[in-house]
Amino acid sequence: MGILGEFKEFAVRGNVIDLAVGVVIGASFGKIVTALVDQIIMPPVGWLIGGIDFADLAITLRGATIDAATGEEIPAITIGYGIFINTVIQFIIVAFAIFIAVKFINRLRRKQADAPEADKPAEPSEEVQLLREIRDSLRSQP
């Protein structure tokens, strides 16, 4: 089998396709969470604490200046901790959503494990087992 055949076998295997679907859905979910945090959660939170937009929160290390020789603006150097706060909130939302999904999946697995299997015959009662032992011992006697 050539390398092309091996690659085809690898690419169409169920786990690889499931992983690809998971990555695409995860990327889309990340965009949804970013929009949720930036556009829905943070504006009211900023409004409640005094009209602050977290995305604009930053520490300025050096303000913007104009280069005397060329006349070009030299941008300010800032530490944007507001964007970091938004990212932490996004992470918490994603982690919580994954926690809920895993908890739900584990609950389903536990229910399946606890459910009696329909294919498996029920254990005979203790009386039936004793009667079978007596029968077997009588058969083995000469």
N, C-alpha and C. Protein backbone atom coordinates (compact mmCIF):
# COMPACT_ATOMS: atom_id res chain seq x y z
N MET A 1 0.85 -1.17 0.00
CA MET A 1 0.00 0.00 0.00
C MET A 1 0.90 1.24 0.00
N GLY A 2 0.65 2.10 -0.94
CA GLY A 2 1.45 3.30 -1.06
C GLY A 2 1.06 4.35 -0.03
N ILE A 3 1.85 5.38 0.01
CA ILE A 3 1.61 6.45 0.98
C ILE A 3 0.27 7.12 0.75
N LEU A 4 -0.16 7.23 -0.51
CA LEU A 4 -1.45 7.84 -0.81
C LEU A 4 -2.59 6.98 -0.26
N GLY A 5 -2.48 5.67 -0.39
CA GLY A 5 -3.49 4.77 0.15
C GLY A 5 -3.54 4.83 1.67
N GLU A 6 -2.38 4.89 2.30
CA GLU A 6 -2.34 4.99 3.76
C GLU A 6 -2.96 6.29 4.23
N PHE A 7 -2.67 7.38 3.51
CA PHE A 7 -3.25 8.67 3.88
C PHE A 7 -4.77 8.63 3.74
N LYS A 8 -5.27 8.03 2.66
CA LYS A 8 -6.71 7.93 2.46
C LYS A 8 -7.36 7.15 3.60
N GLU A 9 -6.74 6.03 3.97
CA GLU A 9 -7.26 5.22 5.07
C GLU A 9 -7.28 6.02 6.38
N PHE A 10 -6.23 6.79 6.61
CA PHE A 10 -6.14 7.61 7.82
C PHE A 10 -7.19 8.72 7.81
N ALA A 11 -7.35 9.38 6.67
CA ALA A 11 -8.22 10.55 6.58
C ALA A 11 -9.70 10.19 6.69
N VAL A 12 -10.08 9.02 6.24
CA VAL A 12 -11.50 8.67 6.28
C VAL A 12 -11.87 7.86 7.52
N ARG A 13 -10.91 7.61 8.37
CA ARG A 13 -11.20 6.91 9.61
C ARG A 13 -12.13 7.78 10.46
N GLY A 14 -13.05 7.18 11.15
CA GLY A 14 -14.07 7.91 11.91
C GLY A 14 -13.52 8.89 12.91
N ASN A 15 -12.47 8.53 13.63
CA ASN A 15 -11.94 9.41 14.67
C ASN A 15 -11.40 10.70 14.09
N VAL A 16 -10.76 10.64 12.94
CA VAL A 16 -10.18 11.84 12.33
C VAL A 16 -11.30 12.78 11.89
N ILE A 17 -12.34 12.23 11.31
CA ILE A 17 -13.47 13.05 10.87
C ILE A 17 -14.16 13.67 12.09
N ASP A 18 -14.35 12.90 13.15
CA ASP A 18 -14.95 13.43 14.37
C ASP A 18 -14.11 14.55 14.94
N LEU A 19 -12.80 14.37 14.93
CA LEU A 19 -11.91 15.41 15.43
C LEU A 19 -12.00 16.68 14.59
N ALA A 20 -12.05 16.52 13.27
CA ALA A 20 -12.16 17.69 12.40
C ALA A 20 -13.47 18.44 12.66
N VAL A 21 -14.56 17.71 12.81
CA VAL A 21 -15.84 18.35 13.10
C VAL A 21 -15.77 19.08 14.44
N GLY A 22 -15.14 18.45 15.43
CA GLY A 22 -14.99 19.08 16.74
C GLY A 22 -14.18 20.36 16.69
N VAL A 23 -13.12 20.37 15.90
CA VAL A 23 -12.29 21.57 15.78
C VAL A 23 -13.07 22.70 15.13
N VAL A 24 -13.82 22.39 14.07
CA VAL A 24 -14.60 23.43 13.38
C VAL A 24 -15.69 23.98 14.30
N ILE A 25 -16.39 23.09 14.98
CA ILE A 25 -17.44 23.54 15.89
C ILE A 25 -16.82 24.33 17.05
N GLY A 26 -15.67 23.89 17.55
CA GLY A 26 -14.99 24.61 18.63
C GLY A 26 -14.58 26.01 18.21
N ALA A 27 -14.07 26.15 17.00
CA ALA A 27 -13.68 27.49 16.51
C ALA A 27 -14.91 28.38 16.40
N SER A 28 -16.00 27.85 15.89
CA SER A 28 -17.23 28.63 15.79
C SER A 28 -17.76 28.99 17.17
N PHE A 29 -17.69 28.04 18.10
CA PHE A 29 -18.14 28.29 19.47
C PHE A 29 -17.29 29.39 20.10
N GLY A 30 -15.99 29.40 19.82
CA GLY A 30 -15.12 30.45 20.33
C GLY A 30 -15.53 31.82 19.84
N LYS A 31 -15.92 31.91 18.57
CA LYS A 31 -16.38 33.20 18.03
C LYS A 31 -17.68 33.63 18.69
N ILE A 32 -18.56 32.67 18.94
CA ILE A 32 -19.82 32.99 19.60
C ILE A 32 -19.56 33.51 21.01
N VAL A 33 -18.67 32.85 21.73
CA VAL A 33 -18.37 33.27 23.10
C VAL A 33 -17.71 34.65 23.09
N THR A 34 -16.81 34.91 22.13
CA THR A 34 -16.18 36.22 22.04
C THR A 34 -17.23 37.31 21.82
N ALA A 35 -18.15 37.06 20.91
CA ALA A 35 -19.21 38.04 20.66
C ALA A 35 -20.10 38.20 21.90
N LEU A 36 -20.40 37.09 22.57
CA LEU A 36 -21.22 37.15 23.78
C LEU A 36 -20.57 38.02 24.85
N VAL A 37 -19.29 37.79 25.09
CA VAL A 37 -18.59 38.55 26.12
C VAL A 37 -18.43 40.01 25.72
N ASP A 38 -17.93 40.25 24.50
CA ASP A 38 -17.62 41.61 24.08
C ASP A 38 -18.87 42.46 23.87
N GLN A 39 -19.93 41.88 23.32
CA GLN A 39 -21.08 42.68 22.91
C GLN A 39 -22.28 42.61 23.86
N ILE A 40 -22.35 41.56 24.69
CA ILE A 40 -23.54 41.40 25.54
C ILE A 40 -23.21 41.48 27.02
N ILE A 41 -22.17 40.80 27.47
CA ILE A 41 -21.88 40.74 28.90
C ILE A 41 -21.12 41.98 29.38
N MET A 42 -20.05 42.34 28.69
CA MET A 42 -19.19 43.41 29.19
C MET A 42 -19.81 44.81 29.14
N PRO A 43 -20.62 45.18 28.14
CA PRO A 43 -21.21 46.53 28.18
C PRO A 43 -22.06 46.79 29.43
N PRO A 44 -22.98 45.87 29.82
CA PRO A 44 -23.72 46.14 31.06
C PRO A 44 -22.84 46.13 32.30
N VAL A 45 -21.85 45.24 32.32
CA VAL A 45 -20.94 45.20 33.48
C VAL A 45 -20.17 46.52 33.58
N GLY A 46 -19.67 46.99 32.45
CA GLY A 46 -18.98 48.28 32.45
C GLY A 46 -19.89 49.42 32.84
N TRP A 47 -21.15 49.38 32.40
CA TRP A 47 -22.11 50.43 32.73
C TRP A 47 -22.42 50.40 34.23
N LEU A 48 -22.55 49.18 34.81
CA LEU A 48 -22.85 49.06 36.23
C LEU A 48 -21.72 49.59 37.11
N ILE A 49 -20.49 49.50 36.64
CA ILE A 49 -19.37 49.96 37.47
C ILE A 49 -18.87 51.33 37.04
N GLY A 50 -19.71 52.09 36.37
CA GLY A 50 -19.35 53.47 36.11
C GLY A 50 -19.06 53.80 34.66
N GLY A 51 -19.63 53.09 33.73
CA GLY A 51 -19.46 53.41 32.32
C GLY A 51 -18.09 53.07 31.76
N ILE A 52 -17.45 52.06 32.29
CA ILE A 52 -16.11 51.67 31.84
C ILE A 52 -16.22 50.63 30.74
N ASP A 53 -15.50 50.84 29.65
CA ASP A 53 -15.39 49.83 28.60
C ASP A 53 -14.10 49.06 28.87
N PHE A 54 -14.24 47.80 29.22
CA PHE A 54 -13.07 47.01 29.61
C PHE A 54 -12.04 46.91 28.50
N ALA A 55 -12.49 46.90 27.25
CA ALA A 55 -11.55 46.79 26.13
C ALA A 55 -10.61 47.99 26.07
N ASP A 56 -11.05 49.13 26.63
CA ASP A 56 -10.22 50.34 26.61
C ASP A 56 -9.30 50.46 27.82
N LEU A 57 -9.44 49.59 28.80
CA LEU A 57 -8.60 49.68 29.99
C LEU A 57 -7.17 49.30 29.65
N ALA A 58 -6.25 50.18 29.98
CA ALA A 58 -4.84 49.94 29.67
C ALA A 58 -3.97 50.82 30.57
N ILE A 59 -2.76 50.37 30.75
CA ILE A 59 -1.75 51.17 31.46
C ILE A 59 -0.79 51.70 30.39
N THR A 60 -0.65 53.01 30.35
CA THR A 60 0.23 53.61 29.34
C THR A 60 1.64 53.72 29.91
N LEU A 61 2.56 53.02 29.25
CA LEU A 61 3.96 53.08 29.67
C LEU A 61 4.65 54.29 29.06
N ARG A 62 4.30 54.60 27.83
CA ARG A 62 4.84 55.79 27.16
C ARG A 62 3.77 56.31 26.21
N GLY A 63 3.45 57.58 26.31
CA GLY A 63 2.42 58.16 25.47
C GLY A 63 2.88 58.28 24.03
N ALA A 64 1.92 58.53 23.16
CA ALA A 64 2.23 58.71 21.75
C ALA A 64 3.02 60.02 21.57
N THR A 65 4.01 59.97 20.71
CA THR A 65 4.84 61.16 20.43
C THR A 65 5.00 61.32 18.93
N ILE A 66 5.53 62.47 18.55
CA ILE A 66 5.82 62.72 17.14
C ILE A 66 7.33 62.82 16.99
N ASP A 67 7.84 62.05 16.04
CA ASP A 67 9.27 62.05 15.77
C ASP A 67 9.64 63.40 15.15
N ALA A 68 10.59 64.10 15.79
CA ALA A 68 10.98 65.43 15.33
C ALA A 68 11.65 65.40 13.96
N ALA A 69 12.38 64.34 13.68
CA ALA A 69 13.12 64.28 12.43
C ALA A 69 12.21 63.99 11.24
N THR A 70 11.28 63.05 11.41
CA THR A 70 10.45 62.65 10.26
C THR A 70 9.03 63.19 10.33
N GLY A 71 8.58 63.61 11.49
CA GLY A 71 7.23 64.11 11.66
C GLY A 71 6.19 63.01 11.76
N GLU A 72 6.64 61.75 11.85
CA GLU A 72 5.71 60.63 11.98
C GLU A 72 5.34 60.41 13.44
N GLU A 73 4.10 59.94 13.63
CA GLU A 73 3.63 59.67 14.99
C GLU A 73 4.19 58.33 15.46
N ILE A 74 4.73 58.33 16.66
CA ILE A 74 5.20 57.10 17.31
C ILE A 74 4.09 56.68 18.26
N PRO A 75 3.50 55.51 18.04
CA PRO A 75 2.35 55.11 18.86
C PRO A 75 2.73 54.91 20.33
N ALA A 76 1.72 55.02 21.16
CA ALA A 76 1.91 54.82 22.60
C ALA A 76 2.21 53.35 22.88
N ILE A 77 2.91 53.13 23.98
CA ILE A 77 3.17 51.76 24.44
C ILE A 77 2.27 51.55 25.66
N THR A 78 1.37 50.57 25.52
CA THR A 78 0.39 50.33 26.58
C THR A 78 0.31 48.85 26.93
N ILE A 79 -0.17 48.59 28.13
CA ILE A 79 -0.49 47.22 28.57
C ILE A 79 -2.01 47.16 28.64
N GLY A 80 -2.62 46.42 27.72
CA GLY A 80 -4.08 46.36 27.63
C GLY A 80 -4.67 45.30 28.53
N TYR A 81 -4.78 45.60 29.82
CA TYR A 81 -5.30 44.60 30.75
C TYR A 81 -6.81 44.43 30.63
N GLY A 82 -7.51 45.37 30.05
CA GLY A 82 -8.96 45.23 29.85
C GLY A 82 -9.27 44.11 28.88
N ILE A 83 -8.50 44.02 27.82
CA ILE A 83 -8.69 42.92 26.86
C ILE A 83 -8.38 41.59 27.54
N PHE A 84 -7.39 41.59 28.43
CA PHE A 84 -7.07 40.38 29.18
C PHE A 84 -8.26 39.97 30.06
N ILE A 85 -8.91 40.94 30.70
CA ILE A 85 -10.09 40.63 31.53
C ILE A 85 -11.18 40.01 30.66
N ASN A 86 -11.41 40.59 29.47
CA ASN A 86 -12.41 40.02 28.56
C ASN A 86 -12.05 38.58 28.19
N THR A 87 -10.79 38.33 27.93
CA THR A 87 -10.35 36.99 27.54
C THR A 87 -10.52 36.00 28.69
N VAL A 88 -10.24 36.42 29.91
CA VAL A 88 -10.43 35.55 31.07
C VAL A 88 -11.91 35.20 31.22
N ILE A 89 -12.79 36.18 31.03
CA ILE A 89 -14.23 35.91 31.13
C ILE A 89 -14.66 34.94 30.03
N GLN A 90 -14.13 35.12 28.82
CA GLN A 90 -14.43 34.18 27.74
C GLN A 90 -13.99 32.77 28.10
N PHE A 91 -12.79 32.66 28.68
CA PHE A 91 -12.29 31.34 29.08
C PHE A 91 -13.20 30.70 30.12
N ILE A 92 -13.66 31.49 31.09
CA ILE A 92 -14.53 30.95 32.13
C ILE A 92 -15.84 30.46 31.52
N ILE A 93 -16.39 31.21 30.56
CA ILE A 93 -17.63 30.79 29.92
C ILE A 93 -17.42 29.49 29.14
N VAL A 94 -16.34 29.41 28.38
CA VAL A 94 -16.06 28.19 27.60
C VAL A 94 -15.82 27.01 28.55
N ALA A 95 -15.04 27.22 29.60
CA ALA A 95 -14.77 26.14 30.55
C ALA A 95 -16.06 25.66 31.21
N PHE A 96 -16.94 26.59 31.56
CA PHE A 96 -18.21 26.22 32.19
C PHE A 96 -19.09 25.44 31.21
N ALA A 97 -19.13 25.89 29.96
CA ALA A 97 -19.94 25.19 28.95
C ALA A 97 -19.41 23.77 28.73
N ILE A 98 -18.10 23.60 28.68
CA ILE A 98 -17.51 22.27 28.51
C ILE A 98 -17.79 21.41 29.74
N PHE A 99 -17.70 22.01 30.92
CA PHE A 99 -18.00 21.29 32.16
C PHE A 99 -19.44 20.76 32.13
N ILE A 100 -20.38 21.61 31.73
CA ILE A 100 -21.78 21.20 31.68
C ILE A 100 -21.96 20.08 30.65
N ALA A 101 -21.32 20.21 29.49
CA ALA A 101 -21.45 19.18 28.45
C ALA A 101 -20.87 17.84 28.93
N VAL A 102 -19.70 17.86 29.55
CA VAL A 102 -19.08 16.63 30.05
C VAL A 102 -19.92 16.02 31.17
N LYS A 103 -20.46 16.87 32.03
CA LYS A 103 -21.31 16.38 33.11
C LYS A 103 -22.55 15.69 32.53
N PHE A 104 -23.16 16.27 31.51
CA PHE A 104 -24.33 15.69 30.86
C PHE A 104 -23.98 14.35 30.21
N ILE A 105 -22.85 14.30 29.51
CA ILE A 105 -22.42 13.06 28.86
C ILE A 105 -22.15 11.98 29.89
N ASN A 106 -21.48 12.34 30.99
CA ASN A 106 -21.21 11.35 32.05
C ASN A 106 -22.51 10.84 32.67
N ARG A 107 -23.49 11.72 32.83
CA ARG A 107 -24.78 11.29 33.39
C ARG A 107 -25.45 10.28 32.45
N LEU A 108 -25.38 10.54 31.14
CA LEU A 108 -25.95 9.60 30.17
C LEU A 108 -25.23 8.26 30.21
N ARG A 109 -23.91 8.30 30.33
CA ARG A 109 -23.13 7.05 30.40
C ARG A 109 -23.48 6.27 31.65
N ARG A 110 -23.65 6.97 32.79
CA ARG A 110 -24.01 6.28 34.03
C ARG A 110 -25.37 5.63 33.92
N LYS A 111 -26.33 6.33 33.28
CA LYS A 111 -27.66 5.75 33.11
C LYS A 111 -27.60 4.51 32.24
N GLN A 112 -26.77 4.54 31.19
CA GLN A 112 -26.63 3.37 30.33
C GLN A 112 -25.96 2.23 31.08
N ALA A 113 -24.98 2.53 31.92
CA ALA A 113 -24.29 1.49 32.67
C ALA A 113 -25.19 0.90 33.74
N ASP A 114 -26.06 1.72 34.34
CA ASP A 114 -26.94 1.24 35.39
C ASP A 114 -28.14 0.47 34.84
N ALA A 115 -28.51 0.74 33.60
CA ALA A 115 -29.68 0.07 33.01
C ALA A 115 -29.37 -1.40 32.81
N PRO A 116 -30.30 -2.28 33.17
CA PRO A 116 -30.06 -3.71 32.94
C PRO A 116 -30.06 -4.00 31.45
N GLU A 117 -29.18 -4.88 31.07
CA GLU A 117 -29.08 -5.22 29.66
C GLU A 117 -30.21 -6.18 29.30
N ALA A 118 -30.88 -5.90 28.19
CA ALA A 118 -32.02 -6.73 27.77
C ALA A 118 -31.54 -8.09 27.26
N ASP A 119 -30.34 -8.14 26.71
CA ASP A 119 -29.83 -9.40 26.14
C ASP A 119 -29.36 -10.36 27.23
N LYS A 120 -28.99 -9.85 28.35
CA LYS A 120 -28.44 -10.68 29.42
C LYS A 120 -29.59 -11.34 30.20
N PRO A 121 -29.58 -12.70 30.29
CA PRO A 121 -30.66 -13.35 31.04
C PRO A 121 -30.50 -13.07 32.54
N ALA A 122 -31.63 -13.07 33.22
CA ALA A 122 -31.61 -12.81 34.66
C ALA A 122 -30.97 -13.98 35.39
N GLU A 123 -30.32 -13.68 36.51
CA GLU A 123 -29.69 -14.71 37.34
C GLU A 123 -30.79 -15.58 37.95
N PRO A 124 -30.61 -16.90 37.95
CA PRO A 124 -31.62 -17.74 38.60
C PRO A 124 -31.59 -17.53 40.11
N SER A 125 -32.73 -17.77 40.72
CA SER A 125 -32.82 -17.58 42.17
C SER A 125 -31.95 -18.61 42.89
N GLU A 126 -31.76 -18.37 44.15
CA GLU A 126 -30.92 -19.28 44.95
C GLU A 126 -31.54 -20.67 45.03
N GLU A 127 -32.86 -20.74 45.09
CA GLU A 127 -33.54 -22.04 45.15
C GLU A 127 -33.30 -22.84 43.88
N VAL A 128 -33.38 -22.14 42.73
CA VAL A 128 -33.16 -22.82 41.45
C VAL A 128 -31.73 -23.33 41.38
N GLN A 129 -30.79 -22.54 41.84
CA GLN A 129 -29.39 -22.97 41.83
C GLN A 129 -29.19 -24.19 42.71
N LEU A 130 -29.80 -24.20 43.89
CA LEU A 130 -29.69 -25.36 44.79
C LEU A 130 -30.30 -26.61 44.15
N LEU A 131 -31.45 -26.43 43.51
CA LEU A 131 -32.09 -27.58 42.86
C LEU A 131 -31.22 -28.11 41.72
N ARG A 132 -30.57 -27.21 41.00
CA ARG A 132 -29.67 -27.65 39.92
C ARG A 132 -28.48 -28.41 40.47
N GLU A 133 -27.94 -27.93 41.60
CA GLU A 133 -26.81 -28.64 42.22
C GLU A 133 -27.23 -30.04 42.66
N ILE A 134 -28.43 -30.14 43.24
CA ILE A 134 -28.93 -31.46 43.68
C ILE A 134 -29.11 -32.36 42.47
N ARG A 135 -29.69 -31.85 41.42
CA ARG A 135 -29.88 -32.64 40.20
C ARG A 135 -28.54 -33.11 39.64
N ASP A 136 -27.58 -32.20 39.56
CA ASP A 136 -26.27 -32.57 39.03
C ASP A 136 -25.58 -33.60 39.90
N SER A 137 -25.71 -33.48 41.22
CA SER A 137 -25.08 -34.47 42.10
C SER A 137 -25.75 -35.83 41.99
N LEU A 138 -27.08 -35.86 41.78
CA LEU A 138 -27.79 -37.13 41.60
C LEU A 138 -27.40 -37.80 40.28
N ARG A 139 -27.17 -37.03 39.25
CA ARG A 139 -26.77 -37.57 37.96
C ARG A 139 -25.37 -38.18 38.02
N SER A 140 -24.53 -37.57 38.84
CA SER A 140 -23.14 -38.06 38.88
C SER A 140 -23.00 -39.32 39.73
N GLN A 141 -24.00 -39.68 40.53
CA GLN A 141 -23.93 -40.89 41.35
C GLN A 141 -24.22 -42.14 40.49
N PRO A 142 -23.50 -43.27 40.78
CA PRO A 142 -23.72 -44.49 39.98
C PRO A 142 -24.98 -45.21 40.29
